[in-house]
Amino acid sequence: MKKFTSVEEAFEWWLANIYQTLPADTKEGRYRNAWRDCTFKKGISPKRMKEILSDFGDIDEKTTITFKLR
């Protein structure tokens, strides 16, 4: 199990480690578009990142907010 501090970090890991190993016919369509959008800084939403990541594994996202009254 890999742990990341953000969806963006997890997606960058996916691009470097999973996307590169996919067969050429699998890289067609939405995976290639997501790679281009992320690589060339065209913008990709966290929702879209999570949808792609969920195609390859289970995602458990937790948000922790701490507020300390002054």
N, C-alpha and C. Protein backbone atom coordinates (compact mmCIF):
# COMPACT_ATOMS: atom_id res chain seq x y z
N MET A 1 0.85 -1.17 0.00
CA MET A 1 0.00 0.00 0.00
C MET A 1 0.90 1.24 0.00
N LYS A 2 0.63 2.14 -0.93
CA LYS A 2 1.35 3.40 -1.01
C LYS A 2 0.53 4.47 -0.30
N LYS A 3 1.21 5.39 0.36
CA LYS A 3 0.54 6.51 1.03
C LYS A 3 1.05 7.81 0.45
N PHE A 4 0.13 8.74 0.24
CA PHE A 4 0.44 10.03 -0.35
C PHE A 4 -0.21 11.13 0.47
N THR A 5 0.29 12.33 0.33
CA THR A 5 -0.28 13.46 1.08
C THR A 5 -1.35 14.21 0.29
N SER A 6 -1.48 13.89 -1.01
CA SER A 6 -2.50 14.55 -1.83
C SER A 6 -2.85 13.68 -3.02
N VAL A 7 -3.98 13.97 -3.64
CA VAL A 7 -4.39 13.27 -4.84
C VAL A 7 -3.40 13.57 -5.96
N GLU A 8 -2.93 14.80 -6.01
CA GLU A 8 -1.97 15.19 -7.04
C GLU A 8 -0.68 14.38 -6.94
N GLU A 9 -0.20 14.18 -5.72
CA GLU A 9 1.00 13.37 -5.50
C GLU A 9 0.78 11.92 -5.93
N ALA A 10 -0.37 11.37 -5.60
CA ALA A 10 -0.69 9.99 -6.00
C ALA A 10 -0.77 9.88 -7.52
N PHE A 11 -1.34 10.88 -8.16
CA PHE A 11 -1.46 10.85 -9.61
C PHE A 11 -0.09 10.96 -10.28
N GLU A 12 0.78 11.81 -9.74
CA GLU A 12 2.14 11.92 -10.28
C GLU A 12 2.85 10.58 -10.17
N TRP A 13 2.67 9.88 -9.05
CA TRP A 13 3.26 8.55 -8.89
C TRP A 13 2.70 7.58 -9.91
N TRP A 14 1.38 7.64 -10.12
CA TRP A 14 0.75 6.77 -11.11
C TRP A 14 1.32 7.02 -12.50
N LEU A 15 1.50 8.29 -12.86
CA LEU A 15 2.07 8.63 -14.17
C LEU A 15 3.47 8.05 -14.33
N ALA A 16 4.27 8.15 -13.29
CA ALA A 16 5.66 7.71 -13.38
C ALA A 16 5.81 6.19 -13.29
N ASN A 17 4.92 5.52 -12.58
CA ASN A 17 5.11 4.10 -12.31
C ASN A 17 4.12 3.15 -12.98
N ILE A 18 2.91 3.57 -13.18
CA ILE A 18 1.89 2.70 -13.77
C ILE A 18 1.67 3.05 -15.24
N TYR A 19 1.43 4.30 -15.51
CA TYR A 19 1.13 4.71 -16.89
C TYR A 19 2.24 4.27 -17.86
N GLN A 20 3.48 4.42 -17.44
CA GLN A 20 4.61 4.08 -18.31
C GLN A 20 4.64 2.60 -18.68
N THR A 21 4.07 1.74 -17.84
CA THR A 21 4.11 0.29 -18.09
C THR A 21 2.89 -0.22 -18.85
N LEU A 22 1.92 0.64 -19.11
CA LEU A 22 0.70 0.21 -19.81
C LEU A 22 1.01 -0.10 -21.27
N PRO A 23 0.33 -1.09 -21.83
CA PRO A 23 0.49 -1.35 -23.26
C PRO A 23 -0.02 -0.16 -24.08
N ALA A 24 0.51 -0.01 -25.28
CA ALA A 24 0.17 1.14 -26.12
C ALA A 24 -1.33 1.28 -26.37
N ASP A 25 -2.03 0.16 -26.57
CA ASP A 25 -3.47 0.25 -26.85
C ASP A 25 -4.26 0.70 -25.62
N THR A 26 -3.74 0.48 -24.43
CA THR A 26 -4.42 0.92 -23.20
C THR A 26 -4.20 2.41 -22.97
N LYS A 27 -3.10 2.94 -23.46
CA LYS A 27 -2.79 4.36 -23.27
C LYS A 27 -3.66 5.28 -24.12
N GLU A 28 -4.47 4.71 -24.98
CA GLU A 28 -5.36 5.51 -25.83
C GLU A 28 -6.43 6.20 -24.98
N GLY A 29 -6.99 7.26 -25.52
CA GLY A 29 -8.16 7.89 -24.90
C GLY A 29 -7.89 8.66 -23.64
N ARG A 30 -8.69 8.39 -22.62
CA ARG A 30 -8.68 9.22 -21.41
C ARG A 30 -7.38 9.15 -20.62
N TYR A 31 -6.68 8.03 -20.66
CA TYR A 31 -5.40 7.96 -19.94
C TYR A 31 -4.35 8.84 -20.61
N ARG A 32 -4.29 8.81 -21.93
CA ARG A 32 -3.34 9.66 -22.66
C ARG A 32 -3.71 11.13 -22.49
N ASN A 33 -4.99 11.44 -22.56
CA ASN A 33 -5.43 12.83 -22.37
C ASN A 33 -5.07 13.33 -20.98
N ALA A 34 -5.25 12.50 -19.98
CA ALA A 34 -4.91 12.88 -18.61
C ALA A 34 -3.40 13.09 -18.48
N TRP A 35 -2.61 12.22 -19.10
CA TRP A 35 -1.15 12.36 -19.08
C TRP A 35 -0.75 13.69 -19.71
N ARG A 36 -1.32 14.00 -20.87
CA ARG A 36 -1.00 15.26 -21.55
C ARG A 36 -1.40 16.47 -20.71
N ASP A 37 -2.61 16.43 -20.17
CA ASP A 37 -3.10 17.55 -19.38
C ASP A 37 -2.23 17.80 -18.16
N CYS A 38 -1.76 16.75 -17.53
CA CYS A 38 -0.92 16.88 -16.35
C CYS A 38 0.50 17.27 -16.73
N THR A 39 1.06 16.63 -17.74
CA THR A 39 2.43 16.88 -18.15
C THR A 39 2.63 18.28 -18.71
N PHE A 40 1.69 18.74 -19.50
CA PHE A 40 1.83 20.04 -20.15
C PHE A 40 1.07 21.14 -19.40
N LYS A 41 0.71 20.88 -18.15
CA LYS A 41 0.09 21.87 -17.25
C LYS A 41 -1.16 22.51 -17.84
N LYS A 42 -1.96 21.70 -18.52
CA LYS A 42 -3.23 22.20 -19.07
C LYS A 42 -4.34 22.16 -18.03
N GLY A 43 -4.10 21.44 -16.96
CA GLY A 43 -5.09 21.36 -15.89
C GLY A 43 -5.86 20.06 -15.90
N ILE A 44 -5.89 19.43 -14.75
CA ILE A 44 -6.66 18.21 -14.56
C ILE A 44 -7.24 18.26 -13.15
N SER A 45 -8.51 18.00 -13.03
CA SER A 45 -9.18 18.13 -11.74
C SER A 45 -8.87 16.94 -10.84
N PRO A 46 -8.91 17.17 -9.53
CA PRO A 46 -8.72 16.05 -8.59
C PRO A 46 -9.77 14.96 -8.79
N LYS A 47 -10.98 15.33 -9.17
CA LYS A 47 -12.04 14.33 -9.42
C LYS A 47 -11.63 13.41 -10.56
N ARG A 48 -11.12 13.98 -11.63
CA ARG A 48 -10.69 13.18 -12.78
C ARG A 48 -9.49 12.30 -12.41
N MET A 49 -8.58 12.85 -11.61
CA MET A 49 -7.43 12.06 -11.14
C MET A 49 -7.90 10.84 -10.35
N LYS A 50 -8.85 11.06 -9.44
CA LYS A 50 -9.37 9.97 -8.62
C LYS A 50 -10.08 8.92 -9.45
N GLU A 51 -10.81 9.35 -10.48
CA GLU A 51 -11.49 8.39 -11.36
C GLU A 51 -10.49 7.49 -12.07
N ILE A 52 -9.41 8.07 -12.54
CA ILE A 52 -8.38 7.28 -13.23
C ILE A 52 -7.66 6.37 -12.25
N LEU A 53 -7.29 6.89 -11.09
CA LEU A 53 -6.62 6.06 -10.08
C LEU A 53 -7.50 4.89 -9.65
N SER A 54 -8.80 5.12 -9.56
CA SER A 54 -9.71 4.06 -9.11
C SER A 54 -9.85 2.94 -10.15
N ASP A 55 -9.47 3.21 -11.40
CA ASP A 55 -9.45 2.16 -12.42
C ASP A 55 -8.36 1.13 -12.13
N PHE A 56 -7.36 1.50 -11.34
CA PHE A 56 -6.21 0.64 -11.10
C PHE A 56 -6.08 0.17 -9.65
N GLY A 57 -6.86 0.73 -8.76
CA GLY A 57 -6.78 0.31 -7.36
C GLY A 57 -7.82 1.02 -6.52
N ASP A 58 -7.85 0.68 -5.25
CA ASP A 58 -8.79 1.28 -4.31
C ASP A 58 -8.18 2.55 -3.71
N ILE A 59 -9.00 3.58 -3.59
CA ILE A 59 -8.57 4.85 -3.04
C ILE A 59 -9.30 5.09 -1.73
N ASP A 60 -8.55 5.45 -0.72
CA ASP A 60 -9.13 5.82 0.57
C ASP A 60 -8.58 7.20 0.91
N GLU A 61 -9.42 8.21 0.77
CA GLU A 61 -8.98 9.59 0.99
C GLU A 61 -9.55 10.10 2.30
N LYS A 62 -8.68 10.65 3.13
CA LYS A 62 -9.09 11.21 4.41
C LYS A 62 -8.57 12.63 4.54
N THR A 63 -9.39 13.51 5.03
CA THR A 63 -8.99 14.90 5.23
C THR A 63 -9.02 15.18 6.72
N THR A 64 -7.94 15.77 7.21
CA THR A 64 -7.87 16.13 8.62
C THR A 64 -7.73 17.64 8.74
N ILE A 65 -8.63 18.25 9.47
CA ILE A 65 -8.60 19.68 9.70
C ILE A 65 -8.51 19.92 11.19
N THR A 66 -7.52 20.69 11.57
CA THR A 66 -7.33 21.00 12.99
C THR A 66 -7.49 22.50 13.18
N PHE A 67 -8.29 22.86 14.15
CA PHE A 67 -8.51 24.26 14.48
C PHE A 67 -8.24 24.45 15.96
N LYS A 68 -7.33 25.37 16.25
CA LYS A 68 -7.02 25.64 17.65
C LYS A 68 -7.39 27.09 17.93
N LEU A 69 -8.30 27.28 18.85
CA LEU A 69 -8.77 28.61 19.21
C LEU A 69 -7.65 29.38 19.89
N ARG A 70 -7.49 30.63 19.50
CA ARG A 70 -6.44 31.46 20.13
C ARG A 70 -6.93 32.11 21.38
